[in-house]
Amino acid sequence: MRARELTVEEAERPLGWRYPEPYANYDVEGALGRDLGFFAVDDDDGGLVGYGCTGAEARVPGVEEEPGTVDVGYGMRPDLIGRGLGREFVGAVLARAAEADPSARLRMSILRWNDRSRRVAEAHGFGVVGRAGEFDVLVREAPRRADGAEYRPA
């Protein structure tokens, strides 16, 4: 999988994605917006797998901007969830997010009940550092782990 810029048409076209319960709160109503930090993630055949975003669009209420930290969010196409693609998909999102500032730490917020998403984040070196409302806040330091080794995604 690889991340890429959204086309103008993709950025302006409402996705209308509907997720099964209990994931329905992730439904995507409107367009993504290239100017809002969104980007696409494609599979090896060029098919849209999902999207990622950085910055303000990735933050939830109660999480403030921090210098040296890139906030990351993502959404996989509803028909692809639960098929074992999460680790590779999130890896592509994180690689894109880290490109702009490889020395920045990455932060994401995951609903506390979403064990599936948390396991994927933890496989990529994230750990819970706090809470914001219904969300756990997770961070991955970069580019070096606590033991001094360079971080390598799972």
N, C-alpha and C. Protein backbone atom coordinates (compact mmCIF):
# COMPACT_ATOMS: atom_id res chain seq x y z
N MET A 1 0.85 -1.18 0.00
CA MET A 1 0.00 0.00 0.00
C MET A 1 0.88 1.23 0.00
N ARG A 2 0.33 2.29 -0.55
CA ARG A 2 1.08 3.54 -0.58
C ARG A 2 0.13 4.72 -0.40
N ALA A 3 0.65 5.76 0.23
CA ALA A 3 -0.12 6.99 0.40
C ALA A 3 0.20 7.93 -0.75
N ARG A 4 -0.78 8.74 -1.11
CA ARG A 4 -0.61 9.70 -2.21
C ARG A 4 -1.55 10.88 -1.98
N GLU A 5 -1.31 11.94 -2.72
CA GLU A 5 -2.19 13.11 -2.66
C GLU A 5 -3.58 12.73 -3.16
N LEU A 6 -4.59 13.33 -2.59
CA LEU A 6 -5.93 13.18 -3.12
C LEU A 6 -6.04 13.93 -4.44
N THR A 7 -6.79 13.38 -5.38
CA THR A 7 -7.10 14.16 -6.57
C THR A 7 -8.14 15.20 -6.19
N VAL A 8 -8.31 16.21 -7.04
CA VAL A 8 -9.32 17.23 -6.78
C VAL A 8 -10.70 16.58 -6.70
N GLU A 9 -10.99 15.66 -7.62
CA GLU A 9 -12.29 14.99 -7.62
C GLU A 9 -12.50 14.20 -6.33
N GLU A 10 -11.49 13.47 -5.88
CA GLU A 10 -11.61 12.70 -4.64
C GLU A 10 -11.85 13.61 -3.44
N ALA A 11 -11.15 14.73 -3.41
CA ALA A 11 -11.26 15.65 -2.28
C ALA A 11 -12.63 16.31 -2.21
N GLU A 12 -13.28 16.46 -3.35
CA GLU A 12 -14.56 17.15 -3.39
C GLU A 12 -15.76 16.20 -3.37
N ARG A 13 -15.53 14.92 -3.61
CA ARG A 13 -16.62 13.94 -3.66
C ARG A 13 -16.90 13.41 -2.25
N PRO A 14 -18.13 13.58 -1.76
CA PRO A 14 -18.45 13.00 -0.45
C PRO A 14 -18.30 11.48 -0.49
N LEU A 15 -17.70 10.92 0.54
CA LEU A 15 -17.49 9.48 0.56
C LEU A 15 -18.77 8.71 0.86
N GLY A 16 -19.52 9.18 1.84
CA GLY A 16 -20.74 8.47 2.20
C GLY A 16 -20.48 7.08 2.76
N TRP A 17 -19.30 6.85 3.36
CA TRP A 17 -18.98 5.54 3.90
C TRP A 17 -19.82 5.26 5.13
N ARG A 18 -20.36 4.04 5.21
CA ARG A 18 -21.16 3.60 6.34
C ARG A 18 -20.53 2.34 6.92
N TYR A 19 -20.23 2.40 8.20
CA TYR A 19 -19.60 1.28 8.88
C TYR A 19 -20.63 0.49 9.67
N PRO A 20 -20.41 -0.82 9.84
CA PRO A 20 -21.31 -1.62 10.67
C PRO A 20 -21.12 -1.25 12.15
N GLU A 21 -22.14 -1.52 12.95
CA GLU A 21 -22.00 -1.31 14.39
C GLU A 21 -20.92 -2.25 14.92
N PRO A 22 -20.15 -1.88 15.87
CA PRO A 22 -20.22 -0.65 16.66
C PRO A 22 -19.40 0.49 16.07
N TYR A 23 -18.98 0.37 14.82
CA TYR A 23 -18.08 1.35 14.20
C TYR A 23 -18.81 2.48 13.48
N ALA A 24 -20.14 2.54 13.58
CA ALA A 24 -20.92 3.52 12.84
C ALA A 24 -20.54 4.96 13.16
N ASN A 25 -19.96 5.22 14.33
CA ASN A 25 -19.54 6.58 14.64
C ASN A 25 -18.38 7.05 13.75
N TYR A 26 -17.79 6.15 12.98
CA TYR A 26 -16.73 6.51 12.04
C TYR A 26 -17.28 6.83 10.65
N ASP A 27 -18.60 6.79 10.46
CA ASP A 27 -19.19 7.09 9.14
C ASP A 27 -18.66 8.42 8.62
N VAL A 28 -18.38 8.47 7.33
CA VAL A 28 -17.84 9.69 6.71
C VAL A 28 -18.94 10.33 5.89
N GLU A 29 -19.35 11.51 6.30
CA GLU A 29 -20.45 12.20 5.64
C GLU A 29 -19.98 13.06 4.47
N GLY A 30 -19.01 13.91 4.70
CA GLY A 30 -18.64 14.91 3.70
C GLY A 30 -17.40 14.55 2.91
N ALA A 31 -16.89 15.55 2.23
CA ALA A 31 -15.67 15.40 1.45
C ALA A 31 -14.46 15.50 2.38
N LEU A 32 -13.31 15.10 1.89
CA LEU A 32 -12.12 15.07 2.73
C LEU A 32 -11.35 16.38 2.73
N GLY A 33 -11.09 16.94 1.58
CA GLY A 33 -10.39 18.23 1.52
C GLY A 33 -8.88 18.11 1.57
N ARG A 34 -8.27 18.31 0.42
CA ARG A 34 -6.80 18.25 0.34
C ARG A 34 -6.16 19.32 1.19
N ASP A 35 -6.80 20.48 1.29
CA ASP A 35 -6.22 21.58 2.05
C ASP A 35 -6.37 21.38 3.56
N LEU A 36 -7.03 20.30 3.97
CA LEU A 36 -7.23 20.02 5.39
C LEU A 36 -6.29 18.94 5.92
N GLY A 37 -5.32 18.54 5.12
CA GLY A 37 -4.36 17.54 5.58
C GLY A 37 -4.71 16.11 5.25
N PHE A 38 -5.73 15.89 4.41
CA PHE A 38 -6.11 14.53 4.04
C PHE A 38 -5.29 14.03 2.86
N PHE A 39 -5.09 12.72 2.81
CA PHE A 39 -4.43 12.06 1.68
C PHE A 39 -5.03 10.67 1.51
N ALA A 40 -4.82 10.09 0.34
CA ALA A 40 -5.38 8.78 0.00
C ALA A 40 -4.36 7.69 0.26
N VAL A 41 -4.86 6.47 0.49
CA VAL A 41 -4.01 5.28 0.57
C VAL A 41 -4.57 4.27 -0.41
N ASP A 42 -3.71 3.82 -1.32
CA ASP A 42 -4.10 2.87 -2.35
C ASP A 42 -3.46 1.51 -2.10
N ASP A 43 -4.11 0.47 -2.66
CA ASP A 43 -3.49 -0.85 -2.65
C ASP A 43 -2.52 -0.94 -3.82
N ASP A 44 -1.90 -2.08 -4.01
CA ASP A 44 -0.90 -2.23 -5.06
C ASP A 44 -1.49 -2.11 -6.46
N ASP A 45 -2.80 -2.28 -6.60
CA ASP A 45 -3.45 -2.15 -7.90
C ASP A 45 -4.01 -0.75 -8.14
N GLY A 46 -3.78 0.18 -7.20
CA GLY A 46 -4.26 1.54 -7.36
C GLY A 46 -5.67 1.77 -6.86
N GLY A 47 -6.26 0.77 -6.20
CA GLY A 47 -7.60 0.93 -5.64
C GLY A 47 -7.55 1.64 -4.30
N LEU A 48 -8.50 2.52 -4.06
CA LEU A 48 -8.55 3.27 -2.82
C LEU A 48 -8.86 2.34 -1.65
N VAL A 49 -7.97 2.31 -0.66
CA VAL A 49 -8.15 1.50 0.54
C VAL A 49 -8.73 2.37 1.65
N GLY A 50 -8.32 3.62 1.68
CA GLY A 50 -8.79 4.52 2.72
C GLY A 50 -8.09 5.86 2.62
N TYR A 51 -8.10 6.58 3.73
CA TYR A 51 -7.49 7.90 3.76
C TYR A 51 -6.75 8.08 5.07
N GLY A 52 -5.88 9.04 5.08
CA GLY A 52 -5.21 9.47 6.29
C GLY A 52 -5.31 10.97 6.39
N CYS A 53 -5.02 11.49 7.57
CA CYS A 53 -4.99 12.94 7.74
C CYS A 53 -4.02 13.28 8.86
N THR A 54 -3.55 14.50 8.82
CA THR A 54 -2.64 14.99 9.86
C THR A 54 -3.12 16.36 10.31
N GLY A 55 -2.62 16.77 11.47
CA GLY A 55 -2.92 18.10 11.96
C GLY A 55 -4.25 18.19 12.67
N ALA A 56 -4.88 19.36 12.56
CA ALA A 56 -6.11 19.64 13.29
C ALA A 56 -7.22 18.65 12.99
N GLU A 57 -7.32 18.17 11.76
CA GLU A 57 -8.37 17.22 11.39
C GLU A 57 -8.21 15.88 12.10
N ALA A 58 -7.00 15.58 12.58
CA ALA A 58 -6.75 14.32 13.27
C ALA A 58 -6.93 14.42 14.78
N ARG A 59 -7.10 15.63 15.29
CA ARG A 59 -7.25 15.81 16.74
C ARG A 59 -8.71 15.73 17.17
N VAL A 60 -8.91 15.21 18.37
CA VAL A 60 -10.25 15.15 18.96
C VAL A 60 -10.35 16.23 20.02
N PRO A 61 -11.57 16.62 20.41
CA PRO A 61 -11.71 17.62 21.47
C PRO A 61 -10.95 17.19 22.73
N GLY A 62 -10.23 18.14 23.30
CA GLY A 62 -9.44 17.87 24.50
C GLY A 62 -7.99 17.57 24.21
N VAL A 63 -7.63 17.43 22.94
CA VAL A 63 -6.24 17.21 22.55
C VAL A 63 -5.78 18.48 21.84
N GLU A 64 -4.76 19.10 22.39
CA GLU A 64 -4.26 20.36 21.85
C GLU A 64 -3.02 20.13 20.99
N GLU A 65 -2.79 21.04 20.07
CA GLU A 65 -1.59 21.00 19.24
C GLU A 65 -0.36 21.11 20.14
N GLU A 66 0.68 20.35 19.82
CA GLU A 66 1.94 20.39 20.56
C GLU A 66 3.10 20.51 19.59
N PRO A 67 4.04 21.41 19.86
CA PRO A 67 5.24 21.50 19.01
C PRO A 67 5.97 20.16 18.99
N GLY A 68 6.45 19.78 17.82
CA GLY A 68 7.20 18.54 17.68
C GLY A 68 6.34 17.30 17.62
N THR A 69 5.01 17.48 17.55
CA THR A 69 4.09 16.35 17.50
C THR A 69 3.20 16.47 16.27
N VAL A 70 3.07 15.37 15.52
CA VAL A 70 2.18 15.31 14.37
C VAL A 70 1.00 14.43 14.75
N ASP A 71 -0.20 15.01 14.73
CA ASP A 71 -1.41 14.23 14.99
C ASP A 71 -1.81 13.51 13.71
N VAL A 72 -2.20 12.24 13.86
CA VAL A 72 -2.50 11.37 12.73
C VAL A 72 -3.88 10.74 12.91
N GLY A 73 -4.65 10.73 11.84
CA GLY A 73 -5.93 10.03 11.83
C GLY A 73 -6.05 9.24 10.54
N TYR A 74 -7.00 8.32 10.49
CA TYR A 74 -7.17 7.50 9.29
C TYR A 74 -8.54 6.85 9.28
N GLY A 75 -8.93 6.40 8.10
CA GLY A 75 -10.17 5.65 7.94
C GLY A 75 -10.02 4.69 6.78
N MET A 76 -10.31 3.43 7.04
CA MET A 76 -10.26 2.41 5.99
C MET A 76 -11.66 2.23 5.41
N ARG A 77 -11.71 1.91 4.14
CA ARG A 77 -12.99 1.64 3.49
C ARG A 77 -13.78 0.61 4.31
N PRO A 78 -15.07 0.85 4.56
CA PRO A 78 -15.84 -0.05 5.42
C PRO A 78 -15.85 -1.51 4.98
N ASP A 79 -15.85 -1.77 3.68
CA ASP A 79 -15.90 -3.16 3.23
C ASP A 79 -14.57 -3.89 3.41
N LEU A 80 -13.52 -3.17 3.82
CA LEU A 80 -12.21 -3.79 4.01
C LEU A 80 -11.85 -4.03 5.47
N ILE A 81 -12.63 -3.47 6.40
CA ILE A 81 -12.28 -3.64 7.80
C ILE A 81 -12.48 -5.10 8.22
N GLY A 82 -11.61 -5.54 9.13
CA GLY A 82 -11.69 -6.91 9.63
C GLY A 82 -11.09 -7.95 8.71
N ARG A 83 -10.35 -7.53 7.68
CA ARG A 83 -9.77 -8.47 6.72
C ARG A 83 -8.25 -8.62 6.87
N GLY A 84 -7.70 -8.11 7.97
CA GLY A 84 -6.27 -8.26 8.21
C GLY A 84 -5.40 -7.26 7.46
N LEU A 85 -5.98 -6.18 6.97
CA LEU A 85 -5.23 -5.18 6.21
C LEU A 85 -4.79 -4.00 7.07
N GLY A 86 -5.25 -3.94 8.31
CA GLY A 86 -5.02 -2.78 9.16
C GLY A 86 -3.57 -2.42 9.37
N ARG A 87 -2.74 -3.39 9.66
CA ARG A 87 -1.34 -3.10 9.95
C ARG A 87 -0.64 -2.47 8.75
N GLU A 88 -0.87 -3.02 7.56
CA GLU A 88 -0.23 -2.47 6.36
C GLU A 88 -0.81 -1.09 6.02
N PHE A 89 -2.13 -0.95 6.14
CA PHE A 89 -2.79 0.32 5.86
C PHE A 89 -2.28 1.42 6.79
N VAL A 90 -2.29 1.16 8.08
CA VAL A 90 -1.84 2.16 9.04
C VAL A 90 -0.35 2.45 8.84
N GLY A 91 0.43 1.45 8.47
CA GLY A 91 1.84 1.67 8.16
C GLY A 91 2.04 2.68 7.04
N ALA A 92 1.20 2.60 6.01
CA ALA A 92 1.29 3.56 4.90
C ALA A 92 0.89 4.96 5.37
N VAL A 93 -0.13 5.04 6.22
CA VAL A 93 -0.54 6.34 6.76
C VAL A 93 0.58 6.94 7.60
N LEU A 94 1.18 6.15 8.47
CA LEU A 94 2.23 6.65 9.35
C LEU A 94 3.48 7.05 8.57
N ALA A 95 3.82 6.30 7.54
CA ALA A 95 4.98 6.65 6.72
C ALA A 95 4.76 8.01 6.07
N ARG A 96 3.57 8.24 5.58
CA ARG A 96 3.26 9.54 4.96
C ARG A 96 3.30 10.66 6.01
N ALA A 97 2.75 10.42 7.17
CA ALA A 97 2.72 11.43 8.22
C ALA A 97 4.13 11.79 8.69
N ALA A 98 5.02 10.81 8.74
CA ALA A 98 6.38 11.05 9.22
C ALA A 98 7.26 11.72 8.17
N GLU A 99 6.87 11.69 6.91
CA GLU A 99 7.69 12.29 5.85
C GLU A 99 7.96 13.77 6.08
N ALA A 100 6.94 14.50 6.51
CA ALA A 100 7.08 15.95 6.67
C ALA A 100 8.08 16.32 7.75
N ASP A 101 8.14 15.55 8.84
CA ASP A 101 9.07 15.82 9.93
C ASP A 101 9.46 14.50 10.57
N PRO A 102 10.50 13.85 10.06
CA PRO A 102 10.89 12.54 10.58
C PRO A 102 11.29 12.54 12.05
N SER A 103 11.63 13.70 12.61
CA SER A 103 12.03 13.74 14.01
C SER A 103 10.85 13.97 14.95
N ALA A 104 9.66 14.21 14.41
CA ALA A 104 8.49 14.47 15.24
C ALA A 104 7.94 13.18 15.82
N ARG A 105 7.34 13.31 16.99
CA ARG A 105 6.61 12.16 17.52
C ARG A 105 5.24 12.15 16.87
N LEU A 106 4.64 10.99 16.76
CA LEU A 106 3.33 10.84 16.15
C LEU A 106 2.32 10.55 17.26
N ARG A 107 1.12 11.14 17.10
CA ARG A 107 0.09 10.97 18.13
C ARG A 107 -1.24 10.68 17.44
N MET A 108 -1.99 9.77 18.03
CA MET A 108 -3.33 9.47 17.52
C MET A 108 -4.28 9.26 18.68
N SER A 109 -5.56 9.42 18.42
CA SER A 109 -6.60 9.20 19.42
C SER A 109 -7.51 8.09 18.92
N ILE A 110 -7.75 7.11 19.80
CA ILE A 110 -8.56 5.95 19.45
C ILE A 110 -9.64 5.78 20.50
N LEU A 111 -10.88 5.58 20.07
CA LEU A 111 -11.95 5.33 21.02
C LEU A 111 -11.56 4.16 21.93
N ARG A 112 -11.79 4.33 23.22
CA ARG A 112 -11.32 3.34 24.21
C ARG A 112 -11.81 1.93 23.92
N TRP A 113 -12.99 1.78 23.36
CA TRP A 113 -13.53 0.44 23.12
C TRP A 113 -12.98 -0.21 21.85
N ASN A 114 -12.23 0.54 21.03
CA ASN A 114 -11.79 0.03 19.74
C ASN A 114 -10.47 -0.75 19.88
N ASP A 115 -10.58 -1.97 20.39
CA ASP A 115 -9.40 -2.80 20.62
C ASP A 115 -8.67 -3.14 19.32
N ARG A 116 -9.41 -3.30 18.25
CA ARG A 116 -8.80 -3.65 16.96
C ARG A 116 -7.83 -2.56 16.51
N SER A 117 -8.27 -1.32 16.56
CA SER A 117 -7.42 -0.20 16.15
C SER A 117 -6.25 -0.01 17.12
N ARG A 118 -6.50 -0.22 18.40
CA ARG A 118 -5.43 -0.07 19.38
C ARG A 118 -4.32 -1.12 19.15
N ARG A 119 -4.72 -2.36 18.86
CA ARG A 119 -3.71 -3.41 18.60
C ARG A 119 -2.84 -3.04 17.39
N VAL A 120 -3.46 -2.49 16.36
CA VAL A 120 -2.69 -2.08 15.17
C VAL A 120 -1.72 -0.95 15.55
N ALA A 121 -2.21 0.03 16.30
CA ALA A 121 -1.35 1.14 16.72
C ALA A 121 -0.19 0.64 17.57
N GLU A 122 -0.47 -0.25 18.50
CA GLU A 122 0.59 -0.80 19.35
C GLU A 122 1.61 -1.59 18.54
N ALA A 123 1.15 -2.28 17.50
CA ALA A 123 2.08 -3.01 16.62
C ALA A 123 3.02 -2.06 15.90
N HIS A 124 2.63 -0.79 15.78
CA HIS A 124 3.47 0.23 15.14
C HIS A 124 4.22 1.07 16.17
N GLY A 125 4.28 0.61 17.40
CA GLY A 125 5.10 1.28 18.41
C GLY A 125 4.41 2.34 19.23
N PHE A 126 3.09 2.46 19.14
CA PHE A 126 2.35 3.45 19.92
C PHE A 126 2.01 2.90 21.29
N GLY A 127 1.94 3.79 22.26
CA GLY A 127 1.50 3.44 23.60
C GLY A 127 0.57 4.51 24.13
N VAL A 128 -0.35 4.10 24.99
CA VAL A 128 -1.32 5.03 25.58
C VAL A 128 -0.60 5.94 26.57
N VAL A 129 -0.83 7.25 26.42
CA VAL A 129 -0.21 8.24 27.32
C VAL A 129 -1.26 9.07 28.07
N GLY A 130 -2.53 8.93 27.71
CA GLY A 130 -3.56 9.71 28.38
C GLY A 130 -4.92 9.48 27.77
N ARG A 131 -5.88 10.30 28.25
CA ARG A 131 -7.25 10.20 27.75
C ARG A 131 -7.77 11.57 27.41
N ALA A 132 -8.70 11.60 26.46
CA ALA A 132 -9.43 12.82 26.10
C ALA A 132 -10.87 12.40 25.84
N GLY A 133 -11.73 12.59 26.83
CA GLY A 133 -13.11 12.16 26.68
C GLY A 133 -13.20 10.67 26.51
N GLU A 134 -13.83 10.23 25.42
CA GLU A 134 -14.00 8.80 25.13
C GLU A 134 -12.78 8.17 24.47
N PHE A 135 -11.72 8.95 24.27
CA PHE A 135 -10.57 8.50 23.51
C PHE A 135 -9.35 8.25 24.39
N ASP A 136 -8.60 7.22 24.03
CA ASP A 136 -7.24 7.07 24.54
C ASP A 136 -6.33 7.82 23.60
N VAL A 137 -5.34 8.51 24.15
CA VAL A 137 -4.36 9.22 23.34
C VAL A 137 -3.09 8.37 23.34
N LEU A 138 -2.61 8.06 22.14
CA LEU A 138 -1.44 7.20 21.96
C LEU A 138 -0.35 7.98 21.27
N VAL A 139 0.89 7.67 21.63
CA VAL A 139 2.05 8.37 21.08
C VAL A 139 3.10 7.36 20.66
N ARG A 140 3.80 7.70 19.58
CA ARG A 140 5.00 6.97 19.18
C ARG A 140 6.12 7.98 19.02
N GLU A 141 7.14 7.80 19.81
CA GLU A 141 8.31 8.67 19.68
C GLU A 141 9.05 8.30 18.41
N ALA A 142 9.72 9.26 17.82
CA ALA A 142 10.47 8.98 16.59
C ALA A 142 11.67 9.89 16.55
N PRO A 143 12.71 9.55 15.87
CA PRO A 143 12.89 8.32 15.10
C PRO A 143 13.53 7.19 15.89
N ARG A 144 13.82 7.40 17.17
CA ARG A 144 14.50 6.35 17.94
C ARG A 144 13.62 5.88 19.08
N ARG A 145 13.69 4.58 19.35
CA ARG A 145 12.98 4.01 20.49
C ARG A 145 13.77 4.29 21.76
N ALA A 146 13.18 3.97 22.89
CA ALA A 146 13.82 4.21 24.18
C ALA A 146 15.15 3.47 24.31
N ASP A 147 15.29 2.33 23.62
CA ASP A 147 16.53 1.56 23.72
C ASP A 147 17.60 2.06 22.74
N GLY A 148 17.31 3.15 22.02
CA GLY A 148 18.28 3.76 21.12
C GLY A 148 18.26 3.21 19.71
N ALA A 149 17.54 2.10 19.49
CA ALA A 149 17.47 1.53 18.15
C ALA A 149 16.52 2.33 17.28
N GLU A 150 16.79 2.35 15.99
CA GLU A 150 15.89 3.05 15.07
C GLU A 150 14.56 2.30 15.02
N TYR A 151 13.47 3.06 15.01
CA TYR A 151 12.15 2.45 14.97
C TYR A 151 11.91 1.79 13.61
N ARG A 152 11.41 0.57 13.64
CA ARG A 152 11.01 -0.16 12.44
C ARG A 152 9.60 -0.65 12.63
N PRO A 153 8.64 -0.22 11.79
CA PRO A 153 7.26 -0.67 11.94
C PRO A 153 7.14 -2.18 11.86
N ALA A 154 6.12 -2.69 12.54
CA ALA A 154 5.86 -4.14 12.55
C ALA A 154 5.39 -4.62 11.20
